[in-house]
N, C-alpha and C. Protein backbone atom coordinates (compact mmCIF):
# COMPACT_ATOMS: atom_id res chain seq x y z
N MET A 1 -37.36 65.21 3.61
CA MET A 1 -36.19 64.89 4.64
C MET A 1 -36.25 64.70 5.97
N ILE A 2 -35.60 63.78 6.70
CA ILE A 2 -35.71 64.41 8.42
C ILE A 2 -34.11 64.90 8.69
N ALA A 3 -34.19 66.04 8.93
CA ALA A 3 -33.34 66.38 9.78
C ALA A 3 -32.41 66.44 10.93
N VAL A 4 -31.16 65.27 10.76
CA VAL A 4 -31.01 64.84 11.74
C VAL A 4 -29.03 65.39 12.23
N THR A 5 -28.24 65.76 13.18
CA THR A 5 -26.88 65.92 12.78
C THR A 5 -26.27 64.40 12.20
N CYS A 6 -24.51 65.41 11.29
CA CYS A 6 -24.26 64.13 10.54
C CYS A 6 -23.40 63.35 11.80
N ALA A 7 -23.23 63.57 13.01
CA ALA A 7 -22.66 63.00 13.74
C ALA A 7 -23.81 61.67 14.38
N THR A 8 -24.90 62.33 14.84
CA THR A 8 -25.82 61.10 15.31
C THR A 8 -26.33 59.67 13.63
N LEU A 9 -26.08 60.90 12.70
CA LEU A 9 -26.21 59.96 11.27
C LEU A 9 -24.92 58.71 11.01
N LEU A 10 -23.54 59.19 11.53
CA LEU A 10 -22.68 58.41 11.44
C LEU A 10 -22.74 57.22 12.10
N LEU A 11 -23.57 57.87 13.66
CA LEU A 11 -23.45 56.52 14.87
C LEU A 11 -24.82 55.55 14.27
N ILE A 12 -25.62 56.48 13.45
CA ILE A 12 -26.70 55.16 13.05
C ILE A 12 -26.16 54.05 12.30
N ALA A 13 -25.94 55.07 11.19
CA ALA A 13 -25.35 54.31 10.14
C ALA A 13 -23.81 52.92 10.74
N CYS A 14 -23.67 53.73 11.01
CA CYS A 14 -22.03 52.68 11.60
C CYS A 14 -22.69 51.17 12.31
N ALA A 15 -23.71 51.70 12.99
CA ALA A 15 -24.49 50.64 13.89
C ALA A 15 -24.76 49.52 13.19
N VAL A 16 -25.83 50.05 11.64
CA VAL A 16 -27.09 49.45 10.83
C VAL A 16 -25.51 48.87 9.74
N SER A 17 -25.19 49.11 9.54
CA SER A 17 -24.46 48.58 8.27
C SER A 17 -22.62 47.64 8.73
N GLY A 18 -22.30 48.77 10.09
CA GLY A 18 -21.20 48.14 9.99
C GLY A 18 -19.70 49.21 9.28
N GLN A 19 -20.81 49.64 8.28
CA GLN A 19 -19.21 50.31 7.42
C GLN A 19 -19.36 51.70 7.24
N ASP A 20 -18.31 52.76 7.25
CA ASP A 20 -18.21 53.76 7.02
C ASP A 20 -19.03 54.50 5.59
N CYS A 21 -18.51 55.71 5.41
CA CYS A 21 -19.23 56.16 4.33
C CYS A 21 -18.36 56.83 2.97
N PRO A 22 -18.20 55.68 2.71
CA PRO A 22 -17.31 56.13 1.64
C PRO A 22 -17.17 57.55 0.53
N GLU A 23 -16.56 58.26 0.67
CA GLU A 23 -16.02 59.51 0.12
C GLU A 23 -16.64 59.07 -1.49
N GLU A 24 -16.93 58.56 -2.34
CA GLU A 24 -17.79 58.22 -3.72
C GLU A 24 -18.55 57.62 -3.63
N GLY A 25 -19.58 57.71 -4.28
CA GLY A 25 -20.58 56.63 -4.41
C GLY A 25 -22.04 57.09 -3.70
N VAL A 26 -23.19 56.31 -4.09
CA VAL A 26 -24.34 56.57 -3.06
C VAL A 26 -24.89 54.77 -2.56
N PHE A 27 -25.05 54.92 -1.31
CA PHE A 27 -25.25 53.38 -0.40
C PHE A 27 -26.36 53.84 0.28
N GLY A 28 -27.28 52.77 0.32
CA GLY A 28 -28.56 53.20 1.25
C GLY A 28 -28.58 52.07 2.32
N TRP A 29 -29.60 52.01 3.39
CA TRP A 29 -29.61 51.29 4.68
C TRP A 29 -30.92 51.31 4.89
N ALA A 30 -30.98 50.35 5.12
CA ALA A 30 -33.05 50.51 5.67
C ALA A 30 -32.93 50.84 6.67
N HIS A 31 -34.22 51.62 6.91
CA HIS A 31 -34.54 52.30 8.85
C HIS A 31 -34.79 50.62 9.45
N GLU A 32 -34.61 51.02 11.44
CA GLU A 32 -35.15 50.24 11.80
C GLU A 32 -36.93 49.66 11.80
N THR A 33 -37.55 51.02 11.67
CA THR A 33 -38.69 50.80 12.26
C THR A 33 -39.74 51.44 11.15
N ALA A 34 -39.35 51.70 10.07
CA ALA A 34 -40.48 52.37 9.37
C ALA A 34 -39.80 51.86 7.84
N CYS A 35 -40.62 51.03 6.49
CA CYS A 35 -40.12 51.00 5.31
C CYS A 35 -39.88 51.76 4.68
N ASP A 36 -40.73 52.92 4.62
CA ASP A 36 -40.53 54.07 3.58
C ASP A 36 -38.98 55.07 4.59
N GLU A 37 -38.20 54.59 5.04
CA GLU A 37 -37.77 55.24 5.96
C GLU A 37 -36.45 54.97 5.36
N TYR A 38 -34.67 55.59 5.14
CA TYR A 38 -34.03 54.84 5.70
C TYR A 38 -32.48 55.15 5.41
N TYR A 39 -31.39 55.08 5.88
CA TYR A 39 -29.87 56.11 5.64
C TYR A 39 -29.88 56.00 4.52
N LYS A 40 -29.28 57.33 3.86
CA LYS A 40 -28.66 57.58 2.90
C LYS A 40 -26.97 58.12 2.83
N CYS A 41 -25.92 57.54 2.01
CA CYS A 41 -24.41 57.38 2.31
C CYS A 41 -25.06 58.08 0.97
N GLU A 42 -23.94 59.17 0.31
CA GLU A 42 -23.39 59.58 -0.65
C GLU A 42 -22.41 60.45 -0.80
N ASN A 43 -21.55 59.98 -1.11
CA ASN A 43 -20.50 60.90 -1.09
C ASN A 43 -19.56 61.35 -0.55
N GLY A 44 -19.69 60.47 0.69
CA GLY A 44 -18.95 60.84 2.57
C GLY A 44 -19.95 61.67 3.34
N THR A 45 -20.88 61.60 2.57
CA THR A 45 -22.59 62.47 3.32
C THR A 45 -23.51 61.84 4.17
N PHE A 46 -23.46 61.02 5.14
CA PHE A 46 -24.91 60.33 5.99
C PHE A 46 -26.10 61.69 5.95
N SER A 47 -27.09 61.02 5.41
CA SER A 47 -28.59 61.28 5.91
C SER A 47 -29.22 60.89 6.68
N GLN A 48 -30.59 60.88 6.51
CA GLN A 48 -31.98 60.19 6.53
C GLN A 48 -33.09 60.73 5.90
N GLU A 49 -33.25 59.77 4.97
CA GLU A 49 -34.20 60.07 3.57
C GLU A 49 -35.69 59.81 4.35
N ARG A 50 -36.94 60.35 3.22
CA ARG A 50 -38.11 59.03 3.14
C ARG A 50 -38.25 59.02 1.87
N CYS A 51 -39.01 58.03 1.80
CA CYS A 51 -39.33 57.68 0.28
C CYS A 51 -40.97 58.72 0.17
N PRO A 52 -41.44 59.03 -0.87
CA PRO A 52 -42.21 59.78 -1.44
C PRO A 52 -43.62 58.67 -1.21
N ASN A 53 -44.29 59.30 -0.90
CA ASN A 53 -45.78 58.68 -0.89
C ASN A 53 -45.81 57.45 -1.62
N GLY A 54 -46.32 56.07 -1.29
CA GLY A 54 -46.64 55.12 -1.82
C GLY A 54 -45.29 54.17 -2.57
N LEU A 55 -44.09 54.77 -2.41
CA LEU A 55 -43.22 54.08 -2.01
C LEU A 55 -42.20 53.60 -0.91
N VAL A 56 -41.48 52.66 -1.32
CA VAL A 56 -40.73 52.41 0.04
C VAL A 56 -38.82 51.77 -0.30
N PHE A 57 -38.48 52.40 1.04
CA PHE A 57 -36.42 51.29 0.34
C PHE A 57 -36.46 50.17 -0.20
N ASP A 58 -35.86 50.26 -1.23
CA ASP A 58 -35.39 49.13 -1.95
C ASP A 58 -33.92 48.79 -2.07
N GLU A 59 -33.22 48.12 -1.48
CA GLU A 59 -32.12 48.19 -1.03
C GLU A 59 -31.22 47.54 -2.82
N LYS A 60 -31.57 46.46 -2.87
CA LYS A 60 -31.49 45.51 -4.07
C LYS A 60 -32.68 46.56 -5.11
N GLU A 61 -33.60 46.88 -5.37
CA GLU A 61 -34.68 47.42 -6.19
C GLU A 61 -34.79 48.73 -6.29
N ALA A 62 -34.12 49.54 -6.52
CA ALA A 62 -34.84 51.10 -6.76
C ALA A 62 -35.00 52.18 -7.75
N ALA A 63 -35.75 51.38 -8.28
CA ALA A 63 -36.39 51.72 -9.50
C ALA A 63 -36.54 52.71 -10.01
N VAL A 64 -37.64 53.14 -8.82
CA VAL A 64 -38.14 54.21 -8.91
C VAL A 64 -38.49 56.45 -8.53
N HIS A 65 -37.87 56.54 -7.33
CA HIS A 65 -36.96 57.65 -7.51
C HIS A 65 -36.12 57.12 -6.09
N ASP A 66 -34.90 57.64 -6.57
CA ASP A 66 -34.19 58.13 -5.79
C ASP A 66 -33.80 56.01 -5.16
N LEU A 67 -33.74 56.23 -3.86
CA LEU A 67 -33.61 54.13 -3.15
C LEU A 67 -35.03 53.60 -3.33
N CYS A 68 -35.40 54.32 -4.13
CA CYS A 68 -37.23 53.70 -3.27
C CYS A 68 -37.59 52.79 -4.61
N THR A 69 -38.48 52.31 -4.45
CA THR A 69 -39.12 51.61 -5.66
C THR A 69 -41.04 51.51 -5.12
N TRP A 70 -41.73 50.90 -5.59
CA TRP A 70 -43.04 50.72 -5.51
C TRP A 70 -43.14 49.83 -3.85
N ASN A 71 -44.30 50.17 -3.29
CA ASN A 71 -44.70 49.42 -2.28
C ASN A 71 -45.07 48.58 -1.97
N TRP A 72 -45.64 47.43 -3.38
CA TRP A 72 -46.17 46.42 -3.68
C TRP A 72 -44.72 45.24 -3.57
N LYS A 73 -43.89 46.14 -4.13
CA LYS A 73 -42.55 45.02 -4.38
C LYS A 73 -41.86 44.57 -3.18
N VAL A 74 -42.10 45.57 -1.94
CA VAL A 74 -41.56 45.08 -0.74
C VAL A 74 -42.23 44.73 0.86
N ASP A 75 -41.73 43.42 0.83
CA ASP A 75 -42.02 42.88 2.24
C ASP A 75 -41.72 43.84 2.96
N CYS A 76 -43.07 44.70 3.91
CA CYS A 76 -42.72 45.51 4.77
C CYS A 76 -43.04 44.73 6.58
N GLY A 77 -43.40 43.51 6.58
CA GLY A 77 -43.95 43.12 7.39
C GLY A 77 -43.79 43.97 8.87
N LYS A 78 -43.66 44.24 9.43
CA LYS A 78 -44.37 45.15 10.81
C LYS A 78 -43.96 46.18 10.14
N LYS A 79 -42.84 46.95 9.62
CA LYS A 79 -42.29 48.43 9.50
C LYS A 79 -43.69 49.12 9.19
N THR A 80 -43.85 50.05 9.81
CA THR A 80 -44.48 51.35 9.23
C THR A 80 -44.42 51.97 8.01
N GLN A 81 -45.59 52.42 7.43
CA GLN A 81 -45.52 52.94 6.77
C GLN A 81 -46.61 54.32 6.32
N GLU A 82 -45.88 55.17 5.92
CA GLU A 82 -46.63 56.83 5.50
C GLU A 82 -47.81 56.39 4.73
N PRO A 83 -49.54 56.56 5.76
CA PRO A 83 -51.20 56.75 5.36
C PRO A 83 -50.70 56.99 3.74
N PRO A 84 -51.36 57.00 2.81
CA PRO A 84 -51.94 57.38 2.05
C PRO A 84 -52.31 58.89 1.75
N ILE A 85 -51.65 59.18 0.84
CA ILE A 85 -52.30 60.94 0.73
C ILE A 85 -52.55 60.68 -0.62
N SER A 86 -53.87 61.41 -0.86
CA SER A 86 -54.70 60.64 -2.64
C SER A 86 -54.71 62.50 -3.14
N SER A 87 -54.64 62.16 -4.36
CA SER A 87 -54.94 63.04 -5.05
C SER A 87 -56.15 62.56 -6.60
N PRO A 88 -56.81 63.45 -7.50
CA PRO A 88 -57.19 62.84 -8.26
C PRO A 88 -56.67 62.04 -8.89
N GLY A 89 -57.64 60.43 -9.39
CA GLY A 89 -57.23 59.09 -9.75
C GLY A 89 -56.37 58.71 -9.51
N CYS A 90 -55.65 59.31 -8.12
CA CYS A 90 -53.93 59.01 -7.54
C CYS A 90 -54.63 58.63 -6.57
N PRO A 91 -54.22 57.22 -5.82
CA PRO A 91 -55.03 56.53 -4.24
C PRO A 91 -53.59 56.86 -3.71
N TYR A 92 -52.32 57.02 -3.77
CA TYR A 92 -50.77 57.43 -3.54
C TYR A 92 -50.89 58.33 -4.37
N GLN A 93 -49.52 59.42 -3.82
CA GLN A 93 -48.76 60.38 -4.28
C GLN A 93 -47.66 59.44 -5.94
N PHE A 94 -47.36 58.14 -5.67
CA PHE A 94 -46.94 57.68 -6.46
C PHE A 94 -47.58 55.93 -6.58
N GLY A 95 -47.62 55.30 -7.58
CA GLY A 95 -48.26 54.49 -7.69
C GLY A 95 -48.64 53.98 -9.50
N ILE A 96 -48.69 52.87 -9.44
CA ILE A 96 -49.49 52.12 -10.83
C ILE A 96 -50.82 51.33 -10.37
N PHE A 97 -51.55 51.54 -11.01
CA PHE A 97 -53.38 51.15 -10.76
C PHE A 97 -53.95 51.56 -11.70
N PRO A 98 -55.31 50.64 -11.61
CA PRO A 98 -56.37 50.11 -12.79
C PRO A 98 -56.40 51.66 -12.93
N SER A 99 -57.52 51.37 -14.36
CA SER A 99 -58.01 52.36 -15.14
C SER A 99 -59.64 51.48 -14.99
N GLU A 100 -60.65 52.48 -16.11
CA GLU A 100 -61.81 51.86 -16.34
C GLU A 100 -61.65 51.18 -17.61
N SER A 101 -60.99 51.40 -18.37
CA SER A 101 -60.28 50.44 -19.42
C SER A 101 -59.72 49.20 -19.13
N CYS A 102 -60.40 48.36 -19.66
CA CYS A 102 -59.05 46.87 -19.58
C CYS A 102 -57.14 47.09 -19.82
N THR A 103 -57.63 48.57 -21.19
CA THR A 103 -56.11 47.95 -21.61
C THR A 103 -55.53 49.40 -21.71
N GLN A 104 -55.63 49.86 -20.49
CA GLN A 104 -55.26 51.12 -19.93
C GLN A 104 -54.49 51.13 -18.30
N TYR A 105 -54.07 51.77 -17.85
CA TYR A 105 -53.49 51.88 -16.56
C TYR A 105 -52.90 53.25 -16.61
N ILE A 106 -53.35 53.52 -14.84
CA ILE A 106 -52.86 55.36 -14.21
C ILE A 106 -51.63 55.01 -13.67
N ARG A 107 -50.44 55.99 -13.91
CA ARG A 107 -49.42 55.70 -13.33
C ARG A 107 -49.40 57.32 -12.85
N CYS A 108 -49.12 57.32 -11.26
CA CYS A 108 -48.94 58.11 -10.76
C CYS A 108 -47.27 58.22 -9.98
N ALA A 109 -46.99 60.37 -10.07
CA ALA A 109 -45.66 60.87 -9.91
C ALA A 109 -45.80 62.41 -9.45
N TRP A 110 -45.68 61.76 -8.11
CA TRP A 110 -45.73 63.33 -7.33
C TRP A 110 -47.49 63.95 -7.72
N GLY A 111 -48.48 63.07 -7.71
CA GLY A 111 -49.57 62.49 -7.14
C GLY A 111 -50.31 63.22 -8.75
N GLU A 112 -49.81 63.02 -9.31
CA GLU A 112 -50.27 63.35 -11.41
C GLU A 112 -50.39 62.32 -11.56
N ALA A 113 -51.55 62.13 -11.92
CA ALA A 113 -52.41 60.98 -12.80
C ALA A 113 -51.92 60.46 -14.34
N ASN A 114 -51.34 59.81 -15.04
CA ASN A 114 -51.33 59.92 -16.00
C ASN A 114 -51.70 58.62 -17.11
N VAL A 115 -52.21 58.92 -17.96
CA VAL A 115 -52.89 57.18 -18.12
C VAL A 115 -52.16 56.71 -19.22
N THR A 116 -51.62 55.36 -19.41
CA THR A 116 -51.34 55.16 -19.68
C THR A 116 -51.45 53.98 -20.70
N ASP A 117 -51.16 53.58 -22.06
CA ASP A 117 -52.05 52.56 -23.01
C ASP A 117 -50.93 51.28 -22.59
N CYS A 118 -51.62 50.30 -22.14
CA CYS A 118 -50.72 48.60 -22.26
C CYS A 118 -50.39 48.59 -23.77
N GLU A 119 -49.58 47.40 -24.13
CA GLU A 119 -49.33 47.08 -26.17
C GLU A 119 -50.34 46.82 -25.74
N GLU A 120 -50.64 47.04 -27.86
CA GLU A 120 -51.76 46.60 -28.06
C GLU A 120 -52.14 44.87 -27.61
N GLY A 121 -53.08 44.50 -27.66
CA GLY A 121 -53.18 43.25 -27.33
C GLY A 121 -54.04 43.05 -26.10
N LEU A 122 -52.72 43.43 -24.66
CA LEU A 122 -52.17 43.41 -24.00
C LEU A 122 -53.57 43.75 -22.76
N ALA A 123 -54.29 43.33 -21.12
CA ALA A 123 -55.25 44.08 -20.54
C ALA A 123 -54.19 44.43 -19.14
N TYR A 124 -54.59 45.64 -18.72
CA TYR A 124 -53.45 45.66 -17.43
C TYR A 124 -54.12 44.52 -16.39
N GLN A 125 -53.36 44.06 -15.36
CA GLN A 125 -53.69 43.49 -14.27
C GLN A 125 -53.44 43.79 -12.62
N GLU A 126 -54.21 44.01 -12.42
CA GLU A 126 -53.93 44.72 -10.95
C GLU A 126 -53.68 43.67 -10.25
N GLU A 127 -53.22 42.42 -10.30
CA GLU A 127 -52.41 41.36 -9.07
C GLU A 127 -51.14 41.43 -9.96
N THR A 128 -50.60 42.08 -10.71
CA THR A 128 -49.34 41.66 -10.90
C THR A 128 -48.91 43.56 -11.72
N HIS A 129 -49.83 44.03 -11.56
CA HIS A 129 -49.54 45.42 -11.69
C HIS A 129 -49.01 45.79 -13.30
N THR A 130 -48.56 44.61 -14.14
CA THR A 130 -47.95 44.34 -15.66
C THR A 130 -49.56 44.69 -16.30
N CYS A 131 -49.26 44.53 -17.38
CA CYS A 131 -50.07 44.23 -18.61
C CYS A 131 -49.96 42.77 -19.13
N VAL A 132 -50.91 41.97 -19.20
CA VAL A 132 -50.82 40.60 -19.51
C VAL A 132 -51.59 40.07 -20.87
N TRP A 133 -52.37 39.11 -21.38
CA TRP A 133 -52.77 38.45 -21.88
C TRP A 133 -53.94 38.96 -21.68
N PRO A 134 -55.81 39.61 -22.13
CA PRO A 134 -56.80 39.77 -21.90
C PRO A 134 -58.03 39.09 -21.70
N ASP A 135 -57.65 37.17 -21.36
CA ASP A 135 -58.09 36.60 -21.45
C ASP A 135 -57.80 36.07 -19.76
N GLU A 136 -56.50 35.93 -19.06
CA GLU A 136 -55.87 36.68 -17.67
C GLU A 136 -56.82 37.04 -17.01
N VAL A 137 -57.51 37.82 -17.11
CA VAL A 137 -57.98 39.53 -16.71
C VAL A 137 -59.26 39.15 -16.57
N ALA A 138 -59.83 38.78 -15.38
CA ALA A 138 -61.04 38.96 -14.99
C ALA A 138 -62.17 39.98 -15.39
N GLY A 139 -62.86 39.98 -15.95
CA GLY A 139 -63.60 41.45 -16.53
C GLY A 139 -63.80 41.75 -18.12
N CYS A 140 -62.35 41.02 -18.63
CA CYS A 140 -62.31 41.70 -20.41
C CYS A 140 -62.22 41.02 -20.51
N ASP A 141 -62.78 41.66 -22.19
CA ASP A 141 -63.50 41.28 -23.49
C ASP A 141 -62.38 40.26 -24.06
N SER A 142 -61.53 39.65 -24.06
CA SER A 142 -60.47 39.15 -24.90
C SER A 142 -60.82 39.18 -25.94
N GLU A 143 -61.94 39.29 -27.13
CA GLU A 143 -62.59 39.28 -28.34
C GLU A 143 -62.82 40.89 -28.77
N ALA A 144 -62.93 41.06 -27.60
CA ALA A 144 -63.13 42.71 -27.97
C ALA A 144 -62.01 43.56 -28.28
N ILE A 145 -60.77 43.36 -26.82
CA ILE A 145 -59.69 43.36 -27.81
C ILE A 145 -58.98 43.51 -28.83
N VAL A 146 -58.72 41.68 -29.01
CA VAL A 146 -57.84 41.58 -29.95
C VAL A 146 -58.73 42.16 -31.35
N GLY A 147 -60.04 41.83 -31.07
CA GLY A 147 -61.10 41.61 -32.53
C GLY A 147 -60.82 40.98 -33.19
N PHE A 148 -61.02 39.81 -32.66
CA PHE A 148 -61.14 38.58 -33.18
C PHE A 148 -62.17 37.52 -32.58
N ARG A 149 -62.57 36.50 -33.01
CA ARG A 149 -63.09 35.49 -32.48
C ARG A 149 -62.36 34.28 -32.74
N CYS A 150 -62.22 33.33 -31.98
CA CYS A 150 -61.60 32.49 -32.11
C CYS A 150 -62.75 31.01 -32.71
N PRO A 151 -62.49 30.55 -34.48
CA PRO A 151 -63.69 29.33 -34.25
C PRO A 151 -63.67 27.83 -33.69
N THR A 152 -64.77 27.94 -33.62
CA THR A 152 -64.80 26.49 -32.46
C THR A 152 -64.08 25.45 -33.03
N HIS A 153 -63.58 25.44 -34.27
CA HIS A 153 -63.14 24.26 -34.95
C HIS A 153 -62.12 24.88 -35.79
N ALA A 154 -60.98 24.27 -35.23
CA ALA A 154 -59.92 24.72 -36.24
C ALA A 154 -59.35 23.81 -37.68
N THR A 155 -59.15 24.72 -38.68
CA THR A 155 -59.33 23.77 -39.91
C THR A 155 -58.26 24.83 -40.87
N GLY A 156 -57.72 23.37 -41.99
CA GLY A 156 -56.64 24.05 -42.60
C GLY A 156 -55.36 24.05 -42.18
N LEU A 157 -54.27 24.69 -42.55
CA LEU A 157 -52.85 25.31 -41.48
C LEU A 157 -53.20 25.84 -40.22
N SER A 158 -54.27 26.19 -39.73
CA SER A 158 -54.66 26.69 -38.35
C SER A 158 -54.80 25.15 -37.78
N ALA A 159 -54.77 24.25 -38.14
CA ALA A 159 -55.05 22.70 -37.17
C ALA A 159 -54.32 22.34 -37.11
N LYS A 160 -52.63 22.52 -37.97
CA LYS A 160 -51.51 21.70 -37.57
C LYS A 160 -51.19 22.67 -36.56
N PHE A 161 -51.61 23.72 -35.76
CA PHE A 161 -50.69 24.45 -34.46
C PHE A 161 -51.76 23.68 -33.23
N TYR A 162 -52.82 23.30 -33.30
CA TYR A 162 -53.70 22.18 -32.44
C TYR A 162 -52.60 21.92 -31.25
N PRO A 163 -52.78 21.95 -29.88
CA PRO A 163 -54.17 22.58 -29.54
C PRO A 163 -53.57 24.15 -29.45
N PHE A 164 -53.14 24.89 -29.99
CA PHE A 164 -52.96 26.43 -29.99
C PHE A 164 -53.45 26.69 -31.75
N PRO A 165 -54.47 26.82 -32.41
CA PRO A 165 -54.82 27.27 -33.83
C PRO A 165 -53.98 29.07 -34.15
N ARG A 166 -53.69 28.61 -34.66
CA ARG A 166 -53.22 30.67 -35.18
C ARG A 166 -53.81 30.69 -36.33
N TYR A 167 -54.02 32.20 -36.82
CA TYR A 167 -54.64 32.52 -37.83
C TYR A 167 -53.95 33.56 -38.17
N PRO A 168 -54.19 34.07 -38.95
CA PRO A 168 -53.62 35.42 -39.64
C PRO A 168 -54.36 37.11 -39.55
N HIS A 169 -53.56 37.61 -39.25
CA HIS A 169 -54.43 38.97 -38.39
C HIS A 169 -54.83 39.82 -39.44
N PRO A 170 -56.49 40.45 -39.40
CA PRO A 170 -57.24 40.42 -40.75
C PRO A 170 -56.58 41.80 -41.22
N HIS A 171 -55.89 42.50 -40.57
CA HIS A 171 -55.48 43.85 -41.15
C HIS A 171 -54.50 44.13 -41.12
N ASP A 172 -53.07 43.35 -40.12
CA ASP A 172 -51.34 43.29 -40.69
C ASP A 172 -51.00 42.03 -40.57
N CYS A 173 -49.89 42.52 -41.84
CA CYS A 173 -49.09 40.86 -41.90
C CYS A 173 -48.19 40.97 -41.42
N GLN A 174 -47.96 42.00 -40.05
CA GLN A 174 -46.89 41.57 -39.64
C GLN A 174 -47.49 40.66 -37.83
N LYS A 175 -48.28 40.48 -37.55
CA LYS A 175 -49.41 39.84 -36.76
C LYS A 175 -49.62 38.94 -36.80
N LEU A 176 -50.34 37.98 -35.68
CA LEU A 176 -51.36 36.78 -35.82
C LEU A 176 -51.52 36.99 -34.66
N ILE A 177 -52.99 35.59 -35.05
CA ILE A 177 -53.49 35.39 -33.76
C ILE A 177 -53.43 34.31 -32.97
N VAL A 178 -52.88 33.77 -31.97
CA VAL A 178 -53.25 32.39 -31.50
C VAL A 178 -54.21 32.03 -30.41
N CYS A 179 -54.86 31.08 -30.44
CA CYS A 179 -56.20 31.04 -29.98
C CYS A 179 -55.84 29.77 -28.86
N VAL A 180 -56.00 30.08 -27.49
CA VAL A 180 -55.69 29.72 -25.81
C VAL A 180 -56.77 29.61 -25.55
N GLY A 181 -57.07 28.20 -25.69
CA GLY A 181 -58.33 27.86 -24.92
C GLY A 181 -60.22 28.80 -26.05
N GLU A 182 -59.84 28.27 -26.75
CA GLU A 182 -60.93 29.37 -27.64
C GLU A 182 -60.97 30.86 -26.75
N LYS A 183 -59.64 31.20 -26.35
CA LYS A 183 -59.46 32.83 -25.90
C LYS A 183 -58.44 33.38 -27.04
N PRO A 184 -58.28 34.49 -28.23
CA PRO A 184 -57.62 35.15 -29.21
C PRO A 184 -56.07 36.00 -28.37
N ARG A 185 -54.95 35.54 -28.67
CA ARG A 185 -53.64 36.35 -27.89
C ARG A 185 -53.33 36.77 -29.36
N LEU A 186 -53.20 38.49 -29.52
CA LEU A 186 -51.95 38.25 -30.59
C LEU A 186 -50.72 38.53 -30.06
N LEU A 187 -50.05 38.02 -31.40
CA LEU A 187 -48.43 37.98 -31.29
C LEU A 187 -48.00 39.18 -32.68
N ASN A 188 -46.72 39.73 -32.10
CA ASN A 188 -46.09 40.41 -32.78
C ASN A 188 -44.93 39.89 -33.89
N CYS A 189 -44.49 39.46 -35.23
CA CYS A 189 -43.83 38.86 -35.35
C CYS A 189 -42.28 39.50 -35.46
N GLY A 190 -42.54 40.73 -35.23
CA GLY A 190 -41.26 41.83 -34.73
C GLY A 190 -40.98 42.43 -36.11
N TYR A 191 -39.47 43.16 -36.10
CA TYR A 191 -39.18 44.00 -37.03
C TYR A 191 -38.32 43.07 -37.59
N GLY A 192 -38.73 43.37 -39.64
CA GLY A 192 -38.25 42.53 -40.34
C GLY A 192 -38.57 41.46 -40.43
N SER A 193 -39.71 40.94 -39.86
CA SER A 193 -40.60 39.84 -40.06
C SER A 193 -41.84 39.83 -40.47
N ALA A 194 -42.78 38.47 -41.22
CA ALA A 194 -44.02 38.67 -41.45
C ALA A 194 -44.63 37.58 -41.22
N PHE A 195 -45.96 37.27 -41.45
CA PHE A 195 -46.80 36.15 -41.24
C PHE A 195 -47.13 35.50 -42.79
N ASN A 196 -46.39 34.40 -42.59
CA ASN A 196 -46.51 33.82 -43.82
C ASN A 196 -47.72 33.22 -44.15
N PRO A 197 -48.48 33.56 -45.04
CA PRO A 197 -50.02 32.85 -45.41
C PRO A 197 -49.77 31.25 -45.82
N HIS A 198 -48.71 30.87 -46.34
CA HIS A 198 -48.71 30.19 -46.66
C HIS A 198 -48.30 28.53 -45.70
N THR A 199 -47.03 29.48 -44.55
CA THR A 199 -46.64 27.91 -43.55
C THR A 199 -47.67 28.40 -41.76
N TYR A 200 -48.01 29.75 -42.26
CA TYR A 200 -48.66 30.33 -40.75
C TYR A 200 -47.44 30.41 -39.60
N THR A 201 -46.54 30.72 -40.33
CA THR A 201 -45.56 30.86 -39.74
C THR A 201 -45.09 32.78 -39.82
N CYS A 202 -44.37 33.28 -38.72
CA CYS A 202 -42.94 34.59 -38.93
C CYS A 202 -42.36 34.32 -39.64
N ASP A 203 -42.24 35.22 -40.69
CA ASP A 203 -40.88 34.51 -41.69
C ASP A 203 -40.26 36.02 -41.83
N SER A 204 -39.28 35.46 -42.75
CA SER A 204 -38.49 37.14 -43.18
C SER A 204 -39.46 37.58 -44.20
N ILE A 205 -39.71 39.22 -44.23
CA ILE A 205 -40.75 39.96 -44.91
C ILE A 205 -40.42 39.97 -46.60
N ASP A 206 -39.03 39.25 -46.71
CA ASP A 206 -38.82 39.27 -48.06
C ASP A 206 -39.11 37.81 -48.96
N ASN A 207 -39.49 37.21 -47.87
CA ASN A 207 -40.34 35.94 -48.68
C ASN A 207 -41.71 36.18 -48.45
N VAL A 208 -41.78 36.73 -47.91
CA VAL A 208 -44.08 37.28 -47.60
C VAL A 208 -44.44 39.10 -48.80
N PRO A 209 -43.77 38.23 -50.35
CA PRO A 209 -44.27 39.30 -51.06
C PRO A 209 -46.04 40.30 -50.63
N GLU A 210 -46.80 39.82 -50.27
CA GLU A 210 -48.55 39.98 -49.44
C GLU A 210 -48.06 41.52 -49.02
N CYS A 211 -46.80 41.28 -48.13
CA CYS A 211 -46.37 42.23 -46.90
C CYS A 211 -45.90 43.93 -47.32
N HIS A 212 -45.14 43.19 -49.27
CA HIS A 212 -44.43 44.47 -49.44
C HIS A 212 -45.03 45.83 -49.28
N GLY A 213 -44.47 46.73 -48.88
CA GLY A 213 -45.16 47.96 -49.19
C GLY A 213 -46.26 48.27 -47.93
N ARG A 214 -46.30 47.47 -46.99
CA ARG A 214 -47.60 47.54 -46.01
C ARG A 214 -46.69 47.87 -44.54
N PHE A 215 -45.59 47.91 -44.68
CA PHE A 215 -45.27 48.61 -42.96
C PHE A 215 -44.48 49.32 -42.89
């Protein structure tokens, strides 16, 4: 936190926002030149704050810490940001970063690296900072991740769903595999549902006796 007098903060905040600081609630206003600093009004008290390293102020979506969010979510333009402060596994003190595994990513908070698994069948994509289909991530092997190789030619009920033929999961009756461009994608039928081997669709588990007692 950058200490400034209440009188100075009041003048600054009023100039920035054109509003007084309400006695109840928390409000924030962007700093003029720094993307990771902001003015804060909390229950009638003004302060000038700095986001933790790797975060920036976001008046619309402050979902990570206080009134700050990931630095890649905000276009800072020409505003300044604090240089990276790295620690083992963390380029910044806060952030989401790729790991050595396609199916994991590193979530950093206060400089501590936490390895997190993507949902089963997905791979981490650095460009979007999310887990997506593995065939959408360069260098990731969707066949190895899903554990299935799409046949060159779909037959039987699978062919009914061409150009995206589907297949039963080899070990889990509540899942199915859909082939997109001959690359497998794992889908989950969801709670209370199962893959019906007679229709190749997700159905109430009550209608799939083959799956009874297996979930």
